[in-house]
N, C-alpha and C. Protein backbone atom coordinates (compact mmCIF):
# COMPACT_ATOMS: atom_id res chain seq x y z
N MET A 1 -10.95 -23.36 -15.38
CA MET A 1 -12.25 -22.79 -15.08
C MET A 1 -13.28 -23.52 -15.91
N SER A 2 -14.42 -23.74 -15.36
CA SER A 2 -15.43 -24.52 -16.08
C SER A 2 -16.22 -23.65 -17.02
N SER A 3 -16.93 -24.31 -17.92
CA SER A 3 -17.73 -23.57 -18.89
C SER A 3 -19.05 -23.09 -18.29
N THR A 4 -19.20 -23.17 -16.95
CA THR A 4 -20.40 -22.69 -16.29
C THR A 4 -20.32 -21.19 -15.97
N LEU A 5 -19.29 -20.54 -16.44
CA LEU A 5 -19.14 -19.11 -16.24
C LEU A 5 -20.36 -18.39 -16.81
N ASP A 6 -20.98 -17.51 -16.01
CA ASP A 6 -22.16 -16.78 -16.47
C ASP A 6 -21.72 -15.66 -17.40
N LEU A 7 -22.06 -15.78 -18.68
CA LEU A 7 -21.65 -14.80 -19.69
C LEU A 7 -22.75 -13.79 -20.00
N THR A 8 -23.76 -13.72 -19.17
CA THR A 8 -24.85 -12.77 -19.40
C THR A 8 -24.35 -11.34 -19.19
N LEU A 9 -24.51 -10.52 -20.21
CA LEU A 9 -24.12 -9.11 -20.13
C LEU A 9 -25.36 -8.27 -19.88
N THR A 10 -25.33 -7.49 -18.81
CA THR A 10 -26.45 -6.62 -18.47
C THR A 10 -26.23 -5.24 -19.09
N GLU A 11 -27.07 -4.29 -18.72
CA GLU A 11 -26.93 -2.90 -19.17
C GLU A 11 -25.76 -2.19 -18.49
N ASP A 12 -25.28 -2.75 -17.38
CA ASP A 12 -24.26 -2.11 -16.55
C ASP A 12 -22.87 -2.30 -17.15
N PRO A 13 -22.19 -1.22 -17.56
CA PRO A 13 -20.86 -1.34 -18.17
C PRO A 13 -19.83 -2.00 -17.26
N ASP A 14 -19.91 -1.75 -15.95
CA ASP A 14 -18.96 -2.37 -15.03
C ASP A 14 -19.18 -3.88 -14.98
N GLN A 15 -20.44 -4.30 -15.00
CA GLN A 15 -20.74 -5.74 -15.02
C GLN A 15 -20.25 -6.35 -16.33
N GLN A 16 -20.45 -5.65 -17.44
CA GLN A 16 -19.96 -6.14 -18.73
C GLN A 16 -18.45 -6.34 -18.67
N ASN A 17 -17.74 -5.37 -18.10
CA ASN A 17 -16.28 -5.46 -17.97
C ASN A 17 -15.89 -6.65 -17.09
N ASP A 18 -16.62 -6.86 -15.99
CA ASP A 18 -16.32 -7.99 -15.10
C ASP A 18 -16.49 -9.32 -15.84
N VAL A 19 -17.54 -9.44 -16.66
CA VAL A 19 -17.77 -10.67 -17.40
C VAL A 19 -16.65 -10.89 -18.42
N PHE A 20 -16.27 -9.85 -19.16
CA PHE A 20 -15.19 -9.98 -20.14
C PHE A 20 -13.88 -10.36 -19.46
N THR A 21 -13.58 -9.73 -18.32
CA THR A 21 -12.34 -10.03 -17.61
C THR A 21 -12.34 -11.48 -17.12
N ALA A 22 -13.44 -11.94 -16.55
CA ALA A 22 -13.52 -13.32 -16.06
C ALA A 22 -13.39 -14.31 -17.22
N ALA A 23 -14.05 -14.03 -18.34
CA ALA A 23 -13.96 -14.92 -19.50
C ALA A 23 -12.53 -14.95 -20.04
N PHE A 24 -11.88 -13.79 -20.13
CA PHE A 24 -10.50 -13.71 -20.59
C PHE A 24 -9.59 -14.53 -19.67
N ASN A 25 -9.73 -14.30 -18.36
CA ASN A 25 -8.86 -14.96 -17.39
C ASN A 25 -9.16 -16.45 -17.23
N SER A 26 -10.23 -16.92 -17.83
CA SER A 26 -10.52 -18.35 -17.80
C SER A 26 -9.47 -19.12 -18.61
N GLY A 27 -8.82 -18.42 -19.57
CA GLY A 27 -7.84 -19.07 -20.43
C GLY A 27 -8.47 -19.90 -21.53
N ASP A 28 -9.79 -19.88 -21.61
CA ASP A 28 -10.51 -20.70 -22.59
C ASP A 28 -11.03 -19.81 -23.70
N GLY A 29 -10.39 -19.90 -24.87
CA GLY A 29 -10.77 -19.06 -26.01
C GLY A 29 -12.20 -19.26 -26.43
N ALA A 30 -12.73 -20.48 -26.33
CA ALA A 30 -14.11 -20.74 -26.72
C ALA A 30 -15.09 -19.99 -25.82
N ILE A 31 -14.77 -19.92 -24.52
CA ILE A 31 -15.63 -19.16 -23.61
C ILE A 31 -15.58 -17.69 -23.96
N PHE A 32 -14.37 -17.14 -24.09
CA PHE A 32 -14.21 -15.72 -24.37
C PHE A 32 -14.86 -15.34 -25.71
N ASP A 33 -14.70 -16.19 -26.71
CA ASP A 33 -15.22 -15.90 -28.04
C ASP A 33 -16.75 -15.82 -28.07
N GLN A 34 -17.43 -16.44 -27.11
CA GLN A 34 -18.89 -16.37 -27.06
C GLN A 34 -19.40 -14.95 -26.83
N LEU A 35 -18.54 -14.06 -26.35
CA LEU A 35 -18.93 -12.68 -26.07
C LEU A 35 -18.87 -11.79 -27.32
N TYR A 36 -18.36 -12.34 -28.43
CA TYR A 36 -18.21 -11.60 -29.68
C TYR A 36 -19.30 -11.99 -30.68
N ARG A 37 -19.76 -11.01 -31.45
CA ARG A 37 -20.60 -11.32 -32.59
C ARG A 37 -19.73 -12.00 -33.64
N ALA A 38 -20.31 -12.86 -34.47
CA ALA A 38 -19.54 -13.64 -35.44
C ALA A 38 -18.65 -12.77 -36.33
N ASP A 39 -19.13 -11.58 -36.71
CA ASP A 39 -18.35 -10.72 -37.60
C ASP A 39 -17.56 -9.64 -36.86
N ALA A 40 -17.42 -9.79 -35.55
CA ALA A 40 -16.71 -8.79 -34.74
C ALA A 40 -15.25 -8.69 -35.16
N ILE A 41 -14.69 -7.51 -34.94
CA ILE A 41 -13.27 -7.25 -35.21
C ILE A 41 -12.56 -7.11 -33.87
N SER A 42 -11.45 -7.81 -33.72
CA SER A 42 -10.64 -7.69 -32.52
C SER A 42 -9.19 -7.46 -32.90
N SER A 43 -8.56 -6.53 -32.18
CA SER A 43 -7.12 -6.28 -32.35
C SER A 43 -6.36 -6.79 -31.13
N LEU A 44 -6.96 -7.72 -30.40
CA LEU A 44 -6.35 -8.24 -29.18
C LEU A 44 -4.94 -8.75 -29.41
N THR A 45 -4.69 -9.36 -30.54
CA THR A 45 -3.37 -9.92 -30.84
C THR A 45 -2.45 -8.93 -31.54
N GLY A 46 -2.90 -7.69 -31.71
CA GLY A 46 -2.08 -6.66 -32.34
C GLY A 46 -2.43 -6.40 -33.80
N VAL A 47 -3.25 -7.27 -34.38
CA VAL A 47 -3.67 -7.13 -35.77
C VAL A 47 -5.19 -7.26 -35.81
N PRO A 48 -5.90 -6.38 -36.53
CA PRO A 48 -7.37 -6.53 -36.61
C PRO A 48 -7.75 -7.83 -37.31
N LEU A 49 -8.51 -8.66 -36.60
CA LEU A 49 -8.95 -9.94 -37.16
C LEU A 49 -10.45 -10.11 -36.94
N THR A 50 -11.06 -10.92 -37.80
CA THR A 50 -12.48 -11.21 -37.67
C THR A 50 -12.72 -12.68 -38.00
N GLY A 51 -13.90 -13.17 -37.66
CA GLY A 51 -14.29 -14.54 -38.00
C GLY A 51 -13.39 -15.60 -37.41
N ALA A 52 -13.15 -16.65 -38.20
CA ALA A 52 -12.37 -17.80 -37.74
C ALA A 52 -10.93 -17.40 -37.38
N GLU A 53 -10.36 -16.42 -38.10
CA GLU A 53 -9.00 -15.96 -37.77
C GLU A 53 -8.95 -15.33 -36.39
N ARG A 54 -9.98 -14.52 -36.07
CA ARG A 54 -10.07 -13.89 -34.74
C ARG A 54 -10.17 -14.97 -33.67
N THR A 55 -11.07 -15.92 -33.88
CA THR A 55 -11.29 -16.98 -32.90
C THR A 55 -10.01 -17.78 -32.66
N ALA A 56 -9.32 -18.16 -33.73
CA ALA A 56 -8.09 -18.95 -33.61
C ALA A 56 -7.00 -18.16 -32.87
N ALA A 57 -6.85 -16.89 -33.20
CA ALA A 57 -5.81 -16.07 -32.58
C ALA A 57 -6.10 -15.85 -31.10
N ILE A 58 -7.34 -15.57 -30.76
CA ILE A 58 -7.72 -15.37 -29.36
C ILE A 58 -7.52 -16.67 -28.58
N THR A 59 -7.94 -17.78 -29.16
CA THR A 59 -7.81 -19.08 -28.49
C THR A 59 -6.33 -19.40 -28.22
N ALA A 60 -5.48 -19.18 -29.21
CA ALA A 60 -4.05 -19.46 -29.05
C ALA A 60 -3.44 -18.54 -27.99
N PHE A 61 -3.81 -17.25 -28.01
CA PHE A 61 -3.26 -16.31 -27.04
C PHE A 61 -3.72 -16.65 -25.62
N LEU A 62 -4.99 -16.93 -25.43
CA LEU A 62 -5.49 -17.23 -24.09
C LEU A 62 -4.93 -18.54 -23.55
N ALA A 63 -4.53 -19.44 -24.42
CA ALA A 63 -3.92 -20.70 -23.99
C ALA A 63 -2.57 -20.47 -23.30
N THR A 64 -1.97 -19.29 -23.49
CA THR A 64 -0.71 -18.95 -22.82
C THR A 64 -0.93 -18.44 -21.40
N ASN A 65 -2.19 -18.38 -20.98
CA ASN A 65 -2.60 -17.97 -19.63
C ASN A 65 -2.22 -16.55 -19.23
N PRO A 66 -2.45 -15.57 -20.09
CA PRO A 66 -2.24 -14.18 -19.67
C PRO A 66 -3.30 -13.83 -18.62
N LYS A 67 -3.01 -12.84 -17.79
CA LYS A 67 -3.97 -12.39 -16.78
C LYS A 67 -4.28 -10.92 -17.01
N LEU A 68 -5.57 -10.62 -17.01
CA LEU A 68 -6.06 -9.28 -17.33
C LEU A 68 -6.76 -8.68 -16.12
N SER A 69 -6.49 -7.41 -15.87
CA SER A 69 -7.31 -6.61 -14.96
C SER A 69 -7.72 -5.38 -15.75
N ALA A 70 -8.93 -4.90 -15.52
CA ALA A 70 -9.44 -3.79 -16.33
C ALA A 70 -10.44 -2.96 -15.53
N LYS A 71 -10.50 -1.68 -15.87
CA LYS A 71 -11.44 -0.77 -15.21
C LYS A 71 -12.07 0.14 -16.26
N VAL A 72 -13.39 0.22 -16.25
CA VAL A 72 -14.11 1.11 -17.16
C VAL A 72 -13.88 2.55 -16.72
N VAL A 73 -13.44 3.41 -17.66
CA VAL A 73 -13.21 4.81 -17.32
C VAL A 73 -14.22 5.75 -17.98
N HIS A 74 -14.82 5.33 -19.10
CA HIS A 74 -15.86 6.12 -19.76
C HIS A 74 -16.84 5.17 -20.45
N THR A 75 -18.09 5.58 -20.50
CA THR A 75 -19.07 4.84 -21.29
C THR A 75 -19.95 5.83 -22.03
N TYR A 76 -20.34 5.45 -23.22
CA TYR A 76 -21.24 6.24 -24.05
C TYR A 76 -22.24 5.28 -24.66
N ARG A 77 -23.51 5.64 -24.63
CA ARG A 77 -24.51 4.73 -25.18
C ARG A 77 -25.58 5.52 -25.91
N THR A 78 -25.98 4.96 -27.05
CA THR A 78 -27.12 5.47 -27.77
C THR A 78 -27.88 4.27 -28.31
N GLY A 79 -29.13 4.16 -27.92
CA GLY A 79 -29.95 3.04 -28.38
C GLY A 79 -29.32 1.70 -28.04
N ASP A 80 -29.08 0.90 -29.06
CA ASP A 80 -28.54 -0.45 -28.89
C ASP A 80 -27.04 -0.53 -29.15
N THR A 81 -26.33 0.61 -29.04
CA THR A 81 -24.89 0.64 -29.25
C THR A 81 -24.22 1.30 -28.05
N SER A 82 -23.14 0.69 -27.60
CA SER A 82 -22.43 1.18 -26.43
C SER A 82 -20.93 1.21 -26.71
N LEU A 83 -20.27 2.29 -26.29
CA LEU A 83 -18.82 2.42 -26.39
C LEU A 83 -18.27 2.43 -24.98
N LEU A 84 -17.35 1.52 -24.69
CA LEU A 84 -16.68 1.49 -23.40
C LEU A 84 -15.22 1.82 -23.61
N VAL A 85 -14.69 2.69 -22.77
CA VAL A 85 -13.26 2.99 -22.76
C VAL A 85 -12.73 2.39 -21.46
N VAL A 86 -11.76 1.51 -21.61
CA VAL A 86 -11.29 0.71 -20.48
C VAL A 86 -9.78 0.82 -20.34
N ARG A 87 -9.31 1.04 -19.13
CA ARG A 87 -7.87 0.96 -18.84
C ARG A 87 -7.57 -0.48 -18.45
N TYR A 88 -6.50 -1.04 -18.99
CA TYR A 88 -6.19 -2.43 -18.69
C TYR A 88 -4.73 -2.62 -18.30
N ARG A 89 -4.51 -3.73 -17.64
CA ARG A 89 -3.17 -4.22 -17.29
C ARG A 89 -3.16 -5.71 -17.66
N LEU A 90 -2.20 -6.10 -18.48
CA LEU A 90 -2.11 -7.47 -18.95
C LEU A 90 -0.76 -8.04 -18.55
N GLU A 91 -0.80 -9.13 -17.82
CA GLU A 91 0.42 -9.82 -17.42
C GLU A 91 0.53 -11.07 -18.29
N THR A 92 1.64 -11.16 -19.03
CA THR A 92 1.84 -12.26 -19.96
C THR A 92 3.33 -12.63 -19.96
N SER A 93 3.73 -13.44 -20.90
CA SER A 93 5.13 -13.85 -21.00
C SER A 93 5.70 -13.45 -22.35
N GLY A 94 6.98 -13.10 -22.35
CA GLY A 94 7.69 -12.76 -23.59
C GLY A 94 8.19 -14.02 -24.27
N PRO A 95 8.92 -13.86 -25.38
CA PRO A 95 9.38 -14.99 -26.18
C PRO A 95 10.29 -15.96 -25.42
N GLU A 96 11.02 -15.47 -24.43
CA GLU A 96 11.92 -16.33 -23.65
C GLU A 96 11.28 -16.76 -22.34
N GLY A 97 9.98 -16.49 -22.19
CA GLY A 97 9.28 -16.86 -20.97
C GLY A 97 9.37 -15.82 -19.87
N GLU A 98 10.02 -14.70 -20.16
CA GLU A 98 10.16 -13.65 -19.17
C GLU A 98 8.82 -12.94 -18.94
N PRO A 99 8.55 -12.49 -17.71
CA PRO A 99 7.30 -11.79 -17.45
C PRO A 99 7.24 -10.47 -18.22
N VAL A 100 6.08 -10.19 -18.78
CA VAL A 100 5.84 -8.94 -19.51
C VAL A 100 4.53 -8.35 -18.98
N VAL A 101 4.56 -7.06 -18.69
CA VAL A 101 3.36 -6.37 -18.25
C VAL A 101 3.05 -5.28 -19.28
N LEU A 102 1.84 -5.32 -19.81
CA LEU A 102 1.39 -4.32 -20.76
C LEU A 102 0.23 -3.56 -20.14
N GLU A 103 0.25 -2.25 -20.29
CA GLU A 103 -0.86 -1.43 -19.83
C GLU A 103 -1.30 -0.55 -20.98
N GLY A 104 -2.58 -0.21 -20.98
CA GLY A 104 -3.08 0.63 -22.05
C GLY A 104 -4.56 0.92 -21.92
N THR A 105 -5.12 1.37 -23.03
CA THR A 105 -6.53 1.74 -23.09
C THR A 105 -7.18 0.95 -24.21
N CYS A 106 -8.34 0.43 -23.92
CA CYS A 106 -9.10 -0.34 -24.91
C CYS A 106 -10.42 0.37 -25.20
N THR A 107 -10.75 0.48 -26.46
CA THR A 107 -12.07 0.97 -26.85
C THR A 107 -12.86 -0.24 -27.34
N ASP A 108 -13.99 -0.46 -26.69
CA ASP A 108 -14.86 -1.59 -27.00
C ASP A 108 -16.21 -1.08 -27.47
N VAL A 109 -16.66 -1.57 -28.61
CA VAL A 109 -18.00 -1.24 -29.10
C VAL A 109 -18.86 -2.48 -28.95
N MET A 110 -19.98 -2.31 -28.27
CA MET A 110 -20.92 -3.41 -28.08
C MET A 110 -22.26 -3.01 -28.66
N VAL A 111 -23.00 -4.01 -29.12
CA VAL A 111 -24.36 -3.78 -29.62
C VAL A 111 -25.29 -4.81 -29.00
N ARG A 112 -26.54 -4.44 -28.95
CA ARG A 112 -27.55 -5.40 -28.52
C ARG A 112 -28.06 -6.09 -29.78
N ASP A 113 -27.94 -7.42 -29.82
CA ASP A 113 -28.34 -8.15 -31.02
C ASP A 113 -29.85 -8.34 -31.07
N GLU A 114 -30.32 -9.04 -32.10
CA GLU A 114 -31.76 -9.21 -32.32
C GLU A 114 -32.43 -9.98 -31.20
N ASP A 115 -31.65 -10.73 -30.39
CA ASP A 115 -32.21 -11.46 -29.25
C ASP A 115 -32.19 -10.63 -27.98
N GLY A 116 -31.72 -9.38 -28.08
CA GLY A 116 -31.65 -8.51 -26.91
C GLY A 116 -30.39 -8.72 -26.09
N LYS A 117 -29.45 -9.53 -26.58
CA LYS A 117 -28.22 -9.85 -25.86
C LYS A 117 -27.11 -8.90 -26.30
N TRP A 118 -26.33 -8.38 -25.34
CA TRP A 118 -25.19 -7.52 -25.65
C TRP A 118 -24.02 -8.37 -26.13
N VAL A 119 -23.37 -7.96 -27.21
CA VAL A 119 -22.21 -8.66 -27.76
C VAL A 119 -21.16 -7.65 -28.22
N MET A 120 -19.91 -8.09 -28.22
CA MET A 120 -18.80 -7.24 -28.67
C MET A 120 -18.76 -7.24 -30.19
N VAL A 121 -18.59 -6.04 -30.80
CA VAL A 121 -18.41 -5.97 -32.24
C VAL A 121 -17.04 -5.39 -32.62
N ILE A 122 -16.46 -4.57 -31.75
CA ILE A 122 -15.11 -4.05 -31.97
C ILE A 122 -14.37 -4.06 -30.64
N ASP A 123 -13.17 -4.62 -30.65
CA ASP A 123 -12.32 -4.72 -29.47
C ASP A 123 -10.95 -4.20 -29.89
N ARG A 124 -10.59 -3.01 -29.40
CA ARG A 124 -9.35 -2.38 -29.88
C ARG A 124 -8.47 -1.92 -28.72
N PRO A 125 -7.65 -2.84 -28.18
CA PRO A 125 -6.70 -2.44 -27.15
C PRO A 125 -5.48 -1.74 -27.76
N VAL A 126 -5.01 -0.70 -27.09
CA VAL A 126 -3.80 0.00 -27.53
C VAL A 126 -2.88 0.14 -26.32
N ASN A 127 -1.70 -0.46 -26.42
CA ASN A 127 -0.74 -0.39 -25.33
C ASN A 127 -0.19 1.02 -25.19
N ASP A 128 0.07 1.42 -23.94
CA ASP A 128 0.72 2.69 -23.68
C ASP A 128 2.11 2.66 -24.30
N GLU A 129 2.60 3.83 -24.68
CA GLU A 129 3.98 3.94 -25.17
C GLU A 129 4.92 3.74 -23.99
N PRO A 130 6.03 3.01 -24.19
CA PRO A 130 6.98 2.85 -23.09
C PRO A 130 7.54 4.20 -22.67
N ALA A 131 7.82 4.33 -21.38
CA ALA A 131 8.40 5.58 -20.87
C ALA A 131 9.80 5.76 -21.45
N ALA A 132 10.11 6.99 -21.80
CA ALA A 132 11.44 7.28 -22.40
C ALA A 132 12.52 7.34 -21.37
């Protein structure tokens, strides 16, 4: 996917989700990372990371070509802060290359920065517990 992907986030939570999903599915960590504020925290890889560690981990993970689908189920907003609750399905590969499907709920906190642009500050996906 080319770097011409439109990363503009509007006020619409569904549009924000569509942009994040498209950036994620691009497989390009540099594209996806543009949606985060520099000091944002992400638990995408299972461990809360920020800064250069977050960027490196996201870039390495997206290079494995996982595919994400997501749907916004709740949104809450006050002023320049927005909380999105998203159900997701992630198709990836296990250590032996076997297909792995993870489903869960992600809580995303976004803020409008000083330029008026929406950016991610907290990204916290939590996988559902496996059925017993």
